[in-house]
Amino acid sequence: MFNNGLIYFLIFFELAAFFTQTNLTEKQNSNLILYALSHPMLFSFHVMLSRLQNKVRLLMYNLTVRLKAVHNDLEV
């Protein structure tokens, strides 16, 4: 929980840098755009998986354990 809050805090600062950092070189500006746009997308994937953690766990259990019990091919 603390880690998620810290990541939100850092992403907020990355987005706020668009308004506070005006005298950047071209490389620094492109890095700012790259990181400020990619980090929220990457973290949203983490949030989505943490919310669906029980469903993902159940899916993996069904694919590995229960499917083997139903379709156990001895020739493989």
Protein backbone atom coordinates (compact mmCIF):
# COMPACT_ATOMS: atom_id res chain seq x y z
CA MET A 1 0.00 0.00 0.00
CA PHE A 2 2.82 2.38 0.88
CA ASN A 3 4.64 1.52 -2.35
CA ASN A 4 1.56 2.32 -4.45
CA GLY A 5 1.18 5.69 -2.73
CA LEU A 6 4.85 6.46 -3.31
CA ILE A 7 4.54 5.58 -7.00
CA TYR A 8 1.47 7.83 -7.35
CA PHE A 9 3.46 10.59 -5.66
CA LEU A 10 6.39 10.22 -8.08
CA ILE A 11 4.11 10.07 -11.13
CA PHE A 12 2.45 13.28 -9.94
CA PHE A 13 5.86 14.96 -9.81
CA GLU A 14 6.68 13.72 -13.31
CA LEU A 15 3.47 15.25 -14.63
CA ALA A 16 4.04 18.47 -12.68
CA ALA A 17 7.46 18.79 -14.33
CA PHE A 18 5.70 19.82 -17.56
CA PHE A 19 4.70 23.07 -15.83
CA THR A 20 7.79 23.70 -13.69
CA GLN A 21 10.72 22.68 -15.92
CA THR A 22 10.82 25.12 -18.81
CA ASN A 23 14.53 25.48 -19.67
CA LEU A 24 15.31 21.93 -20.77
CA THR A 25 17.47 20.73 -23.61
CA GLU A 26 15.88 18.78 -26.43
CA LYS A 27 17.08 15.45 -25.00
CA GLN A 28 15.83 16.30 -21.50
CA ASN A 29 12.49 17.38 -22.91
CA SER A 30 12.09 14.16 -24.90
CA ASN A 31 12.99 12.12 -21.79
CA LEU A 32 10.42 14.07 -19.80
CA ILE A 33 7.72 13.30 -22.36
CA LEU A 34 8.76 9.66 -22.59
CA TYR A 35 8.77 9.01 -18.84
CA ALA A 36 5.76 11.15 -17.98
CA LEU A 37 3.63 9.29 -20.51
CA SER A 38 4.96 5.76 -20.05
CA HIS A 39 5.06 5.52 -16.25
CA PRO A 40 1.31 6.09 -15.71
CA MET A 41 0.53 3.47 -18.36
CA LEU A 42 2.92 0.94 -16.84
CA PHE A 43 1.61 1.54 -13.35
CA SER A 44 -2.01 1.26 -14.50
CA PHE A 45 -1.18 -2.28 -15.66
CA HIS A 46 0.11 -3.04 -12.15
CA VAL A 47 -3.05 -1.61 -10.59
CA MET A 48 -5.25 -3.64 -12.94
CA LEU A 49 -3.42 -6.88 -12.12
CA SER A 50 -3.53 -6.23 -8.38
CA ARG A 51 -7.29 -5.74 -8.57
CA LEU A 52 -7.71 -8.95 -10.59
CA GLN A 53 -5.21 -10.96 -8.55
CA ASN A 54 -7.73 -13.51 -7.27
CA LYS A 55 -9.19 -14.06 -10.74
CA VAL A 56 -5.73 -14.50 -12.25
CA ARG A 57 -4.80 -16.94 -9.49
CA LEU A 58 -7.99 -18.95 -10.10
CA LEU A 59 -7.36 -18.94 -13.86
CA MET A 60 -3.80 -20.21 -13.43
CA TYR A 61 -5.04 -22.93 -11.06
CA ASN A 62 -7.68 -24.01 -13.57
CA LEU A 63 -5.16 -24.09 -16.42
CA THR A 64 -2.53 -26.07 -14.55
CA VAL A 65 -4.22 -28.35 -12.03
CA ARG A 66 -7.82 -28.87 -13.03
CA LEU A 67 -7.17 -29.07 -16.76
CA LYS A 68 -4.53 -31.74 -16.20
CA ALA A 69 -7.02 -33.78 -14.15
CA VAL A 70 -9.55 -33.68 -17.00
CA HIS A 71 -7.22 -33.96 -20.01
CA ASN A 72 -4.31 -36.11 -18.89
CA ASP A 73 -2.68 -37.43 -22.05
CA LEU A 74 -0.29 -40.25 -21.21
CA GLU A 75 1.48 -40.08 -24.58
CA VAL A 76 2.81 -36.57 -23.99
